[in-house]
PDB file of N, CA and C in Angstrom:
ATOM      1  N   MET A   1     174.429 316.187  -2.097  1.00  0.00           N
ATOM      2  CA  MET A   1     175.784 316.438  -1.852  1.00  0.00           C
ATOM      3  C   MET A   1     176.170 316.007  -0.284  1.00  0.00           C
ATOM      4  N   ALA A   2     175.291 316.220   0.577  1.00  0.00           N
ATOM      5  CA  ALA A   2     175.444 315.860   2.047  1.00  0.00           C
ATOM      6  C   ALA A   2     175.545 314.531   2.074  1.00  0.00           C
ATOM      7  N   ALA A   3     174.571 313.653   1.464  1.00  0.00           N
ATOM      8  CA  ALA A   3     174.512 312.337   1.401  1.00  0.00           C
ATOM      9  C   ALA A   3     175.874 311.516   0.903  1.00  0.00           C
ATOM     10  N   ARG A   4     176.284 312.130  -0.143  1.00  0.00           N
ATOM     11  CA  ARG A   4     177.576 311.697  -0.616  1.00  0.00           C
ATOM     12  C   ARG A   4     178.805 311.784   0.287  1.00  0.00           C
ATOM     13  N   HIS A   5     178.815 313.012   1.095  1.00  0.00           N
ATOM     14  CA  HIS A   5     179.897 313.305   2.092  1.00  0.00           C
ATOM     15  C   HIS A   5     179.717 312.364   3.302  1.00  0.00           C
ATOM     16  N   PHE A   6     178.488 312.156   3.654  1.00  0.00           N
ATOM     17  CA  PHE A   6     178.285 311.104   4.784  1.00  0.00           C
ATOM     18  C   PHE A   6     178.674 309.796   4.352  1.00  0.00           C
ATOM     19  N   GLY A   7     178.434 309.334   3.115  1.00  0.00           N
ATOM     20  CA  GLY A   7     178.750 307.981   2.590  1.00  0.00           C
ATOM     21  C   GLY A   7     180.303 307.930   2.600  1.00  0.00           C
ATOM     22  N   ARG A   8     181.081 309.130   2.301  1.00  0.00           N
ATOM     23  CA  ARG A   8     182.585 308.905   2.310  1.00  0.00           C
ATOM     24  C   ARG A   8     183.100 308.859   3.699  1.00  0.00           C
ATOM     25  N   ILE A   9     182.487 309.571   4.654  1.00  0.00           N
ATOM     26  CA  ILE A   9     182.883 309.415   6.057  1.00  0.00           C
ATOM     27  C   ILE A   9     182.597 308.111   6.724  1.00  0.00           C
ATOM     28  N   LEU A  10     181.489 307.457   6.269  1.00  0.00           N
ATOM     29  CA  LEU A  10     181.033 306.212   6.753  1.00  0.00           C
ATOM     30  C   LEU A  10     182.012 305.139   6.213  1.00  0.00           C
ATOM     31  N   PHE A  11     182.373 305.309   4.872  1.00  0.00           N
ATOM     32  CA  PHE A  11     183.340 304.406   4.282  1.00  0.00           C
ATOM     33  C   PHE A  11     184.705 304.403   4.919  1.00  0.00           C
ATOM     34  N   ALA A  12     185.124 305.669   5.173  1.00  0.00           N
ATOM     35  CA  ALA A  12     186.504 305.940   5.840  1.00  0.00           C
ATOM     36  C   ALA A  12     186.464 305.256   7.265  1.00  0.00           C
ATOM     37  N   GLY A  13     185.330 305.390   7.850  1.00  0.00           N
ATOM     38  CA  GLY A  13     185.303 304.904   9.312  1.00  0.00           C
ATOM     39  C   GLY A  13     185.255 303.382   9.248  1.00  0.00           C
ATOM     40  N   LEU A  14     184.558 302.699   8.267  1.00  0.00           N
ATOM     41  CA  LEU A  14     184.629 301.253   8.255  1.00  0.00           C
ATOM     42  C   LEU A  14     186.017 300.821   7.838  1.00  0.00           C
ATOM     43  N   TRP A  15     186.925 301.533   7.052  1.00  0.00           N
ATOM     44  CA  TRP A  15     188.186 301.162   6.864  1.00  0.00           C
ATOM     45  C   TRP A  15     189.068 301.199   8.150  1.00  0.00           C
ATOM     46  N   CYS A  16     188.804 302.340   8.961  1.00  0.00           N
ATOM     47  CA  CYS A  16     189.476 302.564  10.238  1.00  0.00           C
ATOM     48  C   CYS A  16     189.248 301.410  11.199  1.00  0.00           C
ATOM     49  N   LEU A  17     187.872 301.161  11.215  1.00  0.00           N
ATOM     50  CA  LEU A  17     187.515 299.886  12.146  1.00  0.00           C
ATOM     51  C   LEU A  17     188.106 298.686  11.723  1.00  0.00           C
ATOM     52  N   THR A  18     188.178 298.362  10.472  1.00  0.00           N
ATOM     53  CA  THR A  18     188.888 297.268   9.859  1.00  0.00           C
ATOM     54  C   THR A  18     190.309 297.156  10.293  1.00  0.00           C
ATOM     55  N   GLY A  19     191.052 298.383  10.156  1.00  0.00           N
ATOM     56  CA  GLY A  19     192.311 298.449  10.575  1.00  0.00           C
ATOM     57  C   GLY A  19     192.590 298.108  12.063  1.00  0.00           C
ATOM     58  N   VAL A  20     191.671 298.715  12.799  1.00  0.00           N
ATOM     59  CA  VAL A  20     191.822 298.469  14.296  1.00  0.00           C
ATOM     60  C   VAL A  20     191.596 297.047  14.715  1.00  0.00           C
ATOM     61  N   LEU A  21     190.581 296.447  14.040  1.00  0.00           N
ATOM     62  CA  LEU A  21     190.403 294.931  14.395  1.00  0.00           C
ATOM     63  C   LEU A  21     191.577 294.251  13.943  1.00  0.00           C
ATOM     64  N   LEU A  22     192.025 294.357  12.722  1.00  0.00           N
ATOM     65  CA  LEU A  22     193.274 293.629  12.285  1.00  0.00           C
ATOM     66  C   LEU A  22     194.556 293.940  13.090  1.00  0.00           C
ATOM     67  N   LEU A  23     194.591 295.257  13.563  1.00  0.00           N
ATOM     68  CA  LEU A  23     195.818 295.584  14.374  1.00  0.00           C
ATOM     69  C   LEU A  23     195.759 294.865  15.798  1.00  0.00           C
ATOM     70  N   VAL A  24     194.465 294.779  16.330  1.00  0.00           N
ATOM     71  CA  VAL A  24     194.374 294.043  17.639  1.00  0.00           C
ATOM     72  C   VAL A  24     194.620 292.534  17.413  1.00  0.00           C
ATOM     73  N   ALA A  25     194.076 291.998  16.311  1.00  0.00           N
ATOM     74  CA  ALA A  25     194.458 290.595  16.099  1.00  0.00           C
ATOM     75  C   ALA A  25     196.054 290.249  15.969  1.00  0.00           C
ATOM     76  N   ALA A  26     196.666 291.325  15.245  1.00  0.00           N
ATOM     77  CA  ALA A  26     198.125 291.066  15.102  1.00  0.00           C
ATOM     78  C   ALA A  26     198.813 291.295  16.446  1.00  0.00           C
ATOM     79  N   ALA A  27     198.432 292.199  17.273  1.00  0.00           N
ATOM     80  CA  ALA A  27     198.975 292.492  18.630  1.00  0.00           C
ATOM     81  C   ALA A  27     198.801 291.034  19.554  1.00  0.00           C
ATOM     82  N   LEU A  28     197.525 290.610  19.401  1.00  0.00           N
ATOM     83  CA  LEU A  28     197.316 289.419  20.159  1.00  0.00           C
ATOM     84  C   LEU A  28     197.995 288.157  19.606  1.00  0.00           C
ATOM     85  N   LEU A  29     198.168 288.086  18.345  1.00  0.00           N
ATOM     86  CA  LEU A  29     199.096 287.038  17.774  1.00  0.00           C
ATOM     87  C   LEU A  29     200.411 287.213  18.280  1.00  0.00           C
ATOM     88  N   GLY A  30     200.946 288.426  18.228  1.00  0.00           N
ATOM     89  CA  GLY A  30     202.409 288.627  18.674  1.00  0.00           C
ATOM     90  C   GLY A  30     202.542 288.292  20.165  1.00  0.00           C
ATOM     91  N   LEU A  31     201.600 288.605  20.935  1.00  0.00           N
ATOM     92  CA  LEU A  31     201.704 288.219  22.378  1.00  0.00           C
ATOM     93  C   LEU A  31     201.718 286.800  22.656  1.00  0.00           C
ATOM     94  N   ALA A  32     200.812 286.147  21.802  1.00  0.00           N
ATOM     95  CA  ALA A  32     200.625 284.684  22.003  1.00  0.00           C
ATOM     96  C   ALA A  32     201.976 283.983  21.519  1.00  0.00           C
ATOM     97  N   LEU A  33     202.565 284.441  20.432  1.00  0.00           N
ATOM     98  CA  LEU A  33     203.681 283.630  19.881  1.00  0.00           C
ATOM     99  C   LEU A  33     204.938 284.131  20.613  1.00  0.00           C
ATOM    100  N   PHE A  34     205.195 285.336  21.045  1.00  0.00           N
ATOM    101  CA  PHE A  34     206.467 285.750  21.521  1.00  0.00           C
ATOM    102  C   PHE A  34     206.295 286.015  23.099  1.00  0.00           C
ATOM    103  N   GLY A  35     205.138 286.087  23.516  1.00  0.00           N
ATOM    104  CA  GLY A  35     205.013 286.395  25.058  1.00  0.00           C
ATOM    105  C   GLY A  35     205.446 285.348  25.960  1.00  0.00           C
ATOM    106  N   GLU A  36     205.392 284.072  25.560  1.00  0.00           N
ATOM    107  CA  GLU A  36     205.850 282.990  26.284  1.00  0.00           C
ATOM    108  C   GLU A  36     206.867 282.175  25.697  1.00  0.00           C
ATOM    109  N   ALA A  37     207.706 282.874  24.853  1.00  0.00           N
ATOM    110  CA  ALA A  37     208.820 282.139  24.006  1.00  0.00           C
ATOM    111  C   ALA A  37     209.692 281.431  25.001  1.00  0.00           C
ATOM    112  N   GLY A  38     210.003 282.135  26.171  1.00  0.00           N
ATOM    113  CA  GLY A  38     210.953 281.529  27.124  1.00  0.00           C
ATOM    114  C   GLY A  38     210.541 280.218  27.766  1.00  0.00           C
ATOM    115  N   SER A  39     209.159 280.040  27.746  1.00  0.00           N
ATOM    116  CA  SER A  39     208.687 278.774  28.410  1.00  0.00           C
ATOM    117  C   SER A  39     208.442 277.692  27.381  1.00  0.00           C
ATOM    118  N   GLY A  40     208.771 277.959  26.120  1.00  0.00           N
ATOM    119  CA  GLY A  40     208.628 276.881  25.175  1.00  0.00           C
ATOM    120  C   GLY A  40     207.346 276.655  24.514  1.00  0.00           C
ATOM    121  N   GLY A  41     206.365 277.467  24.749  1.00  0.00           N
ATOM    122  CA  GLY A  41     205.089 277.305  24.249  1.00  0.00           C
ATOM    123  C   GLY A  41     204.476 278.618  23.896  1.00  0.00           C
ATOM    124  N   SER A  42     203.205 278.460  23.367  1.00  0.00           N
ATOM    125  CA  SER A  42     202.545 279.701  22.960  1.00  0.00           C
ATOM    126  C   SER A  42     201.096 279.512  23.548  1.00  0.00           C
ATOM    127  N   ARG A  43     200.500 280.724  23.911  1.00  0.00           N
ATOM    128  CA  ARG A  43     199.246 280.732  24.559  1.00  0.00           C
ATOM    129  C   ARG A  43     198.252 281.572  23.911  1.00  0.00           C
ATOM    130  N   PHE A  44     197.241 281.126  23.413  1.00  0.00           N
ATOM    131  CA  PHE A  44     196.194 282.123  22.898  1.00  0.00           C
ATOM    132  C   PHE A  44     195.132 282.162  23.755  1.00  0.00           C
ATOM    133  N   VAL A  45     194.822 283.577  24.183  1.00  0.00           N
ATOM    134  CA  VAL A  45     193.914 283.720  25.102  1.00  0.00           C
ATOM    135  C   VAL A  45     192.579 283.802  24.544  1.00  0.00           C
ATOM    136  N   ALA A  46     191.495 283.213  25.298  1.00  0.00           N
ATOM    137  CA  ALA A  46     190.126 283.203  24.760  1.00  0.00           C
ATOM    138  C   ALA A  46     189.575 284.610  24.779  1.00  0.00           C
ATOM    139  N   LEU A  47     188.548 284.913  23.983  1.00  0.00           N
ATOM    140  CA  LEU A  47     187.956 286.181  23.840  1.00  0.00           C
ATOM    141  C   LEU A  47     187.377 286.448  25.115  1.00  0.00           C
ATOM    142  N   GLY A  48     186.639 285.502  25.754  1.00  0.00           N
ATOM    143  CA  GLY A  48     185.883 285.690  27.049  1.00  0.00           C
ATOM    144  C   GLY A  48     186.771 285.996  28.074  1.00  0.00           C
ATOM    145  N   ALA A  49     188.075 285.324  28.171  1.00  0.00           N
ATOM    146  CA  ALA A  49     189.059 285.686  29.196  1.00  0.00           C
ATOM    147  C   ALA A  49     189.572 287.018  29.014  1.00  0.00           C
ATOM    148  N   LEU A  50     189.826 287.486  27.770  1.00  0.00           N
ATOM    149  CA  LEU A  50     190.363 288.758  27.543  1.00  0.00           C
ATOM    150  C   LEU A  50     189.271 289.781  28.036  1.00  0.00           C
ATOM    151  N   TRP A  51     187.989 289.644  27.677  1.00  0.00           N
ATOM    152  CA  TRP A  51     186.899 290.474  27.921  1.00  0.00           C
ATOM    153  C   TRP A  51     186.726 290.525  29.416  1.00  0.00           C
ATOM    154  N   PHE A  52     186.725 289.457  30.184  1.00  0.00           N
ATOM    155  CA  PHE A  52     186.719 289.415  31.606  1.00  0.00           C
ATOM    156  C   PHE A  52     187.784 290.246  32.328  1.00  0.00           C
ATOM    157  N   TRP A  53     189.085 290.046  31.708  1.00  0.00           N
ATOM    158  CA  TRP A  53     190.214 290.701  32.255  1.00  0.00           C
ATOM    159  C   TRP A  53     190.057 292.322  32.116  1.00  0.00           C
ATOM    160  N   LEU A  54     189.422 292.713  31.002  1.00  0.00           N
ATOM    161  CA  LEU A  54     189.250 294.112  30.661  1.00  0.00           C
ATOM    162  C   LEU A  54     188.137 294.662  31.421  1.00  0.00           C
ATOM    163  N   SER A  55     187.028 293.859  31.611  1.00  0.00           N
ATOM    164  CA  SER A  55     185.804 294.587  32.109  1.00  0.00           C
ATOM    165  C   SER A  55     184.979 293.410  32.632  1.00  0.00           C
ATOM    166  N   PRO A  56     185.218 292.830  33.790  1.00  0.00           N
ATOM    167  CA  PRO A  56     184.380 291.592  34.185  1.00  0.00           C
ATOM    168  C   PRO A  56     182.854 291.929  34.392  1.00  0.00           C
ATOM    169  N   GLY A  57     182.526 293.234  34.782  1.00  0.00           N
ATOM    170  CA  GLY A  57     181.109 293.434  34.980  1.00  0.00           C
ATOM    171  C   GLY A  57     180.405 293.494  33.710  1.00  0.00           C
ATOM    172  N   SER A  58     181.059 294.012  32.700  1.00  0.00           N
ATOM    173  CA  SER A  58     180.251 294.087  31.402  1.00  0.00           C
ATOM    174  C   SER A  58     179.963 292.843  30.777  1.00  0.00           C
ATOM    175  N   LEU A  59     180.959 291.851  30.978  1.00  0.00           N
ATOM    176  CA  LEU A  59     180.731 290.466  30.457  1.00  0.00           C
ATOM    177  C   LEU A  59     179.526 289.764  31.207  1.00  0.00           C
ATOM    178  N   ASN A  60     179.518 289.946  32.505  1.00  0.00           N
ATOM    179  CA  ASN A  60     178.328 289.481  33.268  1.00  0.00           C
ATOM    180  C   ASN A  60     177.095 290.114  32.944  1.00  0.00           C
ATOM    181  N   LEU A  61     177.057 291.366  32.652  1.00  0.00           N
ATOM    182  CA  LEU A  61     175.922 292.156  32.444  1.00  0.00           C
ATOM    183  C   LEU A  61     175.423 291.681  30.963  1.00  0.00           C
ATOM    184  N   VAL A  62     176.256 291.518  30.007  1.00  0.00           N
ATOM    185  CA  VAL A  62     175.809 291.015  28.713  1.00  0.00           C
ATOM    186  C   VAL A  62     175.143 289.506  28.832  1.00  0.00           C
ATOM    187  N   GLN A  63     175.797 288.822  29.618  1.00  0.00           N
ATOM    188  CA  GLN A  63     175.250 287.431  29.804  1.00  0.00           C
ATOM    189  C   GLN A  63     173.891 287.568  30.485  1.00  0.00           C
ATOM    190  N   ALA A  64     173.742 288.281  31.438  1.00  0.00           N
ATOM    191  CA  ALA A  64     172.446 288.483  32.195  1.00  0.00           C
ATOM    192  C   ALA A  64     171.390 289.161  31.154  1.00  0.00           C
ATOM    193  N   VAL A  65     171.602 290.198  30.516  1.00  0.00           N
ATOM    194  CA  VAL A  65     170.700 290.818  29.629  1.00  0.00           C
ATOM    195  C   VAL A  65     170.317 289.804  28.331  1.00  0.00           C
ATOM    196  N   THR A  66     171.330 289.068  27.960  1.00  0.00           N
ATOM    197  CA  THR A  66     170.955 288.230  26.753  1.00  0.00           C
ATOM    198  C   THR A  66     170.062 287.094  27.181  1.00  0.00           C
ATOM    199  N   GLU A  67     170.425 286.466  28.320  1.00  0.00           N
ATOM    200  CA  GLU A  67     169.635 285.420  28.954  1.00  0.00           C
ATOM    201  C   GLU A  67     168.253 285.811  29.293  1.00  0.00           C
ATOM    202  N   ARG A  68     168.099 287.043  29.973  1.00  0.00           N
ATOM    203  CA  ARG A  68     166.809 287.347  30.526  1.00  0.00           C
ATOM    204  C   ARG A  68     165.913 288.056  29.493  1.00  0.00           C
ATOM    205  N   HIS A  69     166.470 288.868  28.581  1.00  0.00           N
ATOM    206  CA  HIS A  69     165.671 289.668  27.676  1.00  0.00           C
ATOM    207  C   HIS A  69     165.627 289.198  26.298  1.00  0.00           C
ATOM    208  N   LEU A  70     166.543 288.529  25.919  1.00  0.00           N
ATOM    209  CA  LEU A  70     166.571 287.965  24.475  1.00  0.00           C
ATOM    210  C   LEU A  70     166.305 286.428  24.520  1.00  0.00           C
ATOM    211  N   SER A  71     167.258 285.583  24.803  1.00  0.00           N
ATOM    212  CA  SER A  71     167.135 284.088  24.726  1.00  0.00           C
ATOM    213  C   SER A  71     168.260 283.440  25.425  1.00  0.00           C
ATOM    214  N   VAL A  72     167.916 282.442  26.274  1.00  0.00           N
ATOM    215  CA  VAL A  72     168.987 281.660  26.943  1.00  0.00           C
ATOM    216  C   VAL A  72     169.622 280.824  25.726  1.00  0.00           C
ATOM    217  N   ALA A  73     168.948 280.491  24.781  1.00  0.00           N
ATOM    218  CA  ALA A  73     169.546 279.617  23.660  1.00  0.00           C
ATOM    219  C   ALA A  73     170.509 280.549  22.878  1.00  0.00           C
ATOM    220  N   LEU A  74     170.182 281.797  22.725  1.00  0.00           N
ATOM    221  CA  LEU A  74     171.162 282.703  22.106  1.00  0.00           C
ATOM    222  C   LEU A  74     172.472 282.721  22.671  1.00  0.00           C
ATOM    223  N   TRP A  75     172.383 282.863  24.041  1.00  0.00           N
ATOM    224  CA  TRP A  75     173.656 282.891  24.883  1.00  0.00           C
ATOM    225  C   TRP A  75     174.491 281.463  24.783  1.00  0.00           C
ATOM    226  N   ASP A  76     173.590 280.422  24.947  1.00  0.00           N
ATOM    227  CA  ASP A  76     174.266 279.066  25.002  1.00  0.00           C
ATOM    228  C   ASP A  76     174.727 278.568  23.703  1.00  0.00           C
ATOM    229  N   HIS A  77     174.191 278.906  22.628  1.00  0.00           N
ATOM    230  CA  HIS A  77     174.495 278.400  21.246  1.00  0.00           C
ATOM    231  C   HIS A  77     175.230 279.355  20.427  1.00  0.00           C
ATOM    232  N   LEU A  78     175.328 280.608  20.647  1.00  0.00           N
ATOM    233  CA  LEU A  78     176.026 281.541  19.745  1.00  0.00           C
ATOM    234  C   LEU A  78     176.964 282.381  20.604  1.00  0.00           C
ATOM    235  N   VAL A  79     176.777 283.073  21.620  1.00  0.00           N
ATOM    236  CA  VAL A  79     177.513 284.017  22.407  1.00  0.00           C
ATOM    237  C   VAL A  79     178.579 283.244  23.226  1.00  0.00           C
ATOM    238  N   PHE A  80     178.245 282.271  23.876  1.00  0.00           N
ATOM    239  CA  PHE A  80     179.164 281.515  24.719  1.00  0.00           C
ATOM    240  C   PHE A  80     180.153 280.735  24.002  1.00  0.00           C
ATOM    241  N   PRO A  81     179.816 279.988  22.886  1.00  0.00           N
ATOM    242  CA  PRO A  81     180.924 279.483  21.984  1.00  0.00           C
ATOM    243  C   PRO A  81     181.801 280.370  21.351  1.00  0.00           C
ATOM    244  N   LEU A  82     181.299 281.593  20.995  1.00  0.00           N
ATOM    245  CA  LEU A  82     182.037 282.710  20.536  1.00  0.00           C
ATOM    246  C   LEU A  82     183.173 283.194  21.421  1.00  0.00           C
ATOM    247  N   VAL A  83     182.748 283.472  22.758  1.00  0.00           N
ATOM    248  CA  VAL A  83     183.807 283.890  23.732  1.00  0.00           C
ATOM    249  C   VAL A  83     184.677 282.873  24.225  1.00  0.00           C
ATOM    250  N   GLN A  84     184.465 281.512  23.966  1.00  0.00           N
ATOM    251  CA  GLN A  84     185.384 280.534  24.204  1.00  0.00           C
ATOM    252  C   GLN A  84     186.511 280.359  23.011  1.00  0.00           C
ATOM    253  N   GLN A  85     186.411 281.132  21.925  1.00  0.00           N
ATOM    254  CA  GLN A  85     187.340 281.058  20.807  1.00  0.00           C
ATOM    255  C   GLN A  85     188.518 281.837  21.149  1.00  0.00           C
ATOM    256  N   PRO A  86     189.704 281.653  20.547  1.00  0.00           N
ATOM    257  CA  PRO A  86     190.891 282.466  20.702  1.00  0.00           C
ATOM    258  C   PRO A  86     190.589 283.941  20.242  1.00  0.00           C
ATOM    259  N   ALA A  87     190.826 285.045  20.989  1.00  0.00           N
ATOM    260  CA  ALA A  87     190.485 286.373  20.621  1.00  0.00           C
ATOM    261  C   ALA A  87     191.276 286.775  19.402  1.00  0.00           C
ATOM    262  N   VAL A  88     192.437 286.185  19.049  1.00  0.00           N
ATOM    263  CA  VAL A  88     193.029 286.464  17.844  1.00  0.00           C
ATOM    264  C   VAL A  88     192.190 286.047  16.628  1.00  0.00           C
ATOM    265  N   LEU A  89     191.735 284.811  16.725  1.00  0.00           N
ATOM    266  CA  LEU A  89     190.706 284.367  15.642  1.00  0.00           C
ATOM    267  C   LEU A  89     189.588 285.186  15.444  1.00  0.00           C
ATOM    268  N   VAL A  90     188.930 285.530  16.593  1.00  0.00           N
ATOM    269  CA  VAL A  90     187.640 286.329  16.550  1.00  0.00           C
ATOM    270  C   VAL A  90     187.896 287.751  16.016  1.00  0.00           C
ATOM    271  N   PHE A  91     188.998 288.477  16.414  1.00  0.00           N
ATOM    272  CA  PHE A  91     189.376 289.739  15.893  1.00  0.00           C
ATOM    273  C   PHE A  91     189.854 289.733  14.502  1.00  0.00           C
ATOM    274  N   GLY A  92     190.567 288.624  14.101  1.00  0.00           N
ATOM    275  CA  GLY A  92     191.100 288.553  12.825  1.00  0.00           C
ATOM    276  C   GLY A  92     190.007 288.331  11.764  1.00  0.00           C
ATOM    277  N   LEU A  93     189.181 287.376  12.031  1.00  0.00           N
ATOM    278  CA  LEU A  93     188.015 287.039  11.202  1.00  0.00           C
ATOM    279  C   LEU A  93     187.042 288.127  10.962  1.00  0.00           C
ATOM    280  N   ALA A  94     186.771 288.876  12.149  1.00  0.00           N
ATOM    281  CA  ALA A  94     185.945 290.005  12.139  1.00  0.00           C
ATOM    282  C   ALA A  94     186.521 291.142  11.195  1.00  0.00           C
ATOM    283  N   GLY A  95     187.796 291.433  11.382  1.00  0.00           N
ATOM    284  CA  GLY A  95     188.554 292.368  10.635  1.00  0.00           C
ATOM    285  C   GLY A  95     188.589 291.990   9.098  1.00  0.00           C
ATOM    286  N   ALA A  96     188.835 290.741   8.772  1.00  0.00           N
ATOM    287  CA  ALA A  96     188.838 290.253   7.409  1.00  0.00           C
ATOM    288  C   ALA A  96     187.487 290.426   6.670  1.00  0.00           C
ATOM    289  N   ALA A  97     186.377 290.052   7.497  1.00  0.00           N
ATOM    290  CA  ALA A  97     185.037 290.175   6.994  1.00  0.00           C
ATOM    291  C   ALA A  97     184.699 291.571   6.741  1.00  0.00           C
ATOM    292  N   LEU A  98     184.856 292.396   7.702  1.00  0.00           N
ATOM    293  CA  LEU A  98     184.614 293.842   7.533  1.00  0.00           C
ATOM    294  C   LEU A  98     185.339 294.480   6.357  1.00  0.00           C
ATOM    295  N   GLY A  99     186.645 294.104   6.243  1.00  0.00           N
ATOM    296  CA  GLY A  99     187.377 294.673   5.216  1.00  0.00           C
ATOM    297  C   GLY A  99     186.821 294.130   3.911  1.00  0.00           C
ATOM    298  N   THR A 100     186.471 292.913   3.708  1.00  0.00           N
ATOM    299  CA  THR A 100     185.923 292.302   2.358  1.00  0.00           C
ATOM    300  C   THR A 100     184.655 293.110   2.103  1.00  0.00           C
ATOM    301  N   ILE A 101     183.775 293.304   3.140  1.00  0.00           N
ATOM    302  CA  ILE A 101     182.469 293.987   2.923  1.00  0.00           C
ATOM    303  C   ILE A 101     182.731 295.490   2.491  1.00  0.00           C
ATOM    304  N   THR A 102     183.614 296.122   3.051  1.00  0.00           N
ATOM    305  CA  THR A 102     183.901 297.497   2.862  1.00  0.00           C
ATOM    306  C   THR A 102     184.538 297.601   1.388  1.00  0.00           C
ATOM    307  N   TRP A 103     185.387 296.683   1.036  1.00  0.00           N
ATOM    308  CA  TRP A 103     186.038 296.643  -0.298  1.00  0.00           C
ATOM    309  C   TRP A 103     184.964 296.505  -1.408  1.00  0.00           C
ATOM    310  N   LEU A 104     184.043 295.506  -1.065  1.00  0.00           N
ATOM    311  CA  LEU A 104     182.923 295.269  -2.085  1.00  0.00           C
ATOM    312  C   LEU A 104     182.025 296.461  -2.254  1.00  0.00           C
ATOM    313  N   LEU A 105     181.772 297.102  -1.101  1.00  0.00           N
ATOM    314  CA  LEU A 105     180.954 298.377  -1.122  1.00  0.00           C
ATOM    315  C   LEU A 105     181.594 299.563  -2.004  1.00  0.00           C
ATOM    316  N   GLY A 106     182.954 299.546  -1.756  1.00  0.00           N
ATOM    317  CA  GLY A 106     183.691 300.622  -2.406  1.00  0.00           C
ATOM    318  C   GLY A 106     183.785 300.268  -3.977  1.00  0.00           C
ATOM    319  N   ARG A 107     183.844 299.079  -4.208  1.00  0.00           N
ATOM    320  CA  ARG A 107     183.886 298.649  -5.777  1.00  0.00           C
ATOM    321  C   ARG A 107     182.511 299.065  -6.254  1.00  0.00           C
ATOM    322  N   ARG A 108     181.450 298.759  -5.549  1.00  0.00           N
ATOM    323  CA  ARG A 108     180.017 299.030  -6.083  1.00  0.00           C
ATOM    324  C   ARG A 108     179.761 300.463  -6.284  1.00  0.00           C
ATOM    325  N   GLY A 109     180.348 301.268  -5.377  1.00  0.00           N
ATOM    326  CA  GLY A 109     180.260 302.752  -5.460  1.00  0.00           C
ATOM    327  C   GLY A 109     180.815 303.270  -6.658  1.00  0.00           C
ATOM    328  N   ARG A 110     181.874 302.747  -7.062  1.00  0.00           N
ATOM    329  CA  ARG A 110     182.726 303.129  -8.268  1.00  0.00           C
ATOM    330  C   ARG A 110     182.235 302.644  -9.515  1.00  0.00           C
ATOM    331  N   ALA A 111     181.410 301.553  -9.506  1.00  0.00           N
ATOM    332  CA  ALA A 111     180.837 301.052 -10.758  1.00  0.00           C
ATOM    333  C   ALA A 111     179.712 301.848 -11.291  1.00  0.00           C
TER     334      ALA A 111
END
C-alpha cells in the first residue's frame, strides 16, 4: 500500500515538473516575442546567458566540476552546445519529453 501511495506522489510530482518546465518555456517565448516588439524584432535568450544572469557562480562551478572530475569532452560536446541553445527550446523540449514519459508511465500503470 505504501509503495502504491509513493508511486502516485511521484507521478503527480512528475506532472507538476512537466507543467513548470512548459510554463517557463511559455514565459520565455512570450518575453522573446513581445518583450522587444517596439524595436521590431524578437530575441531568444540562450540557456547559458539566462543561467549566468540568474547565478553566474553556479555556471562556472558546473563547468569546472564537469571538466575536472568528469570529462572535458562532456563539457565541450554536450553541455556547452546545450547552453548555447535558446532557453525556450531547451525548456520546451524538456517539458514535452518529460510529459510524454509521464503519460506513457501512467498508461502502463492503468493497463
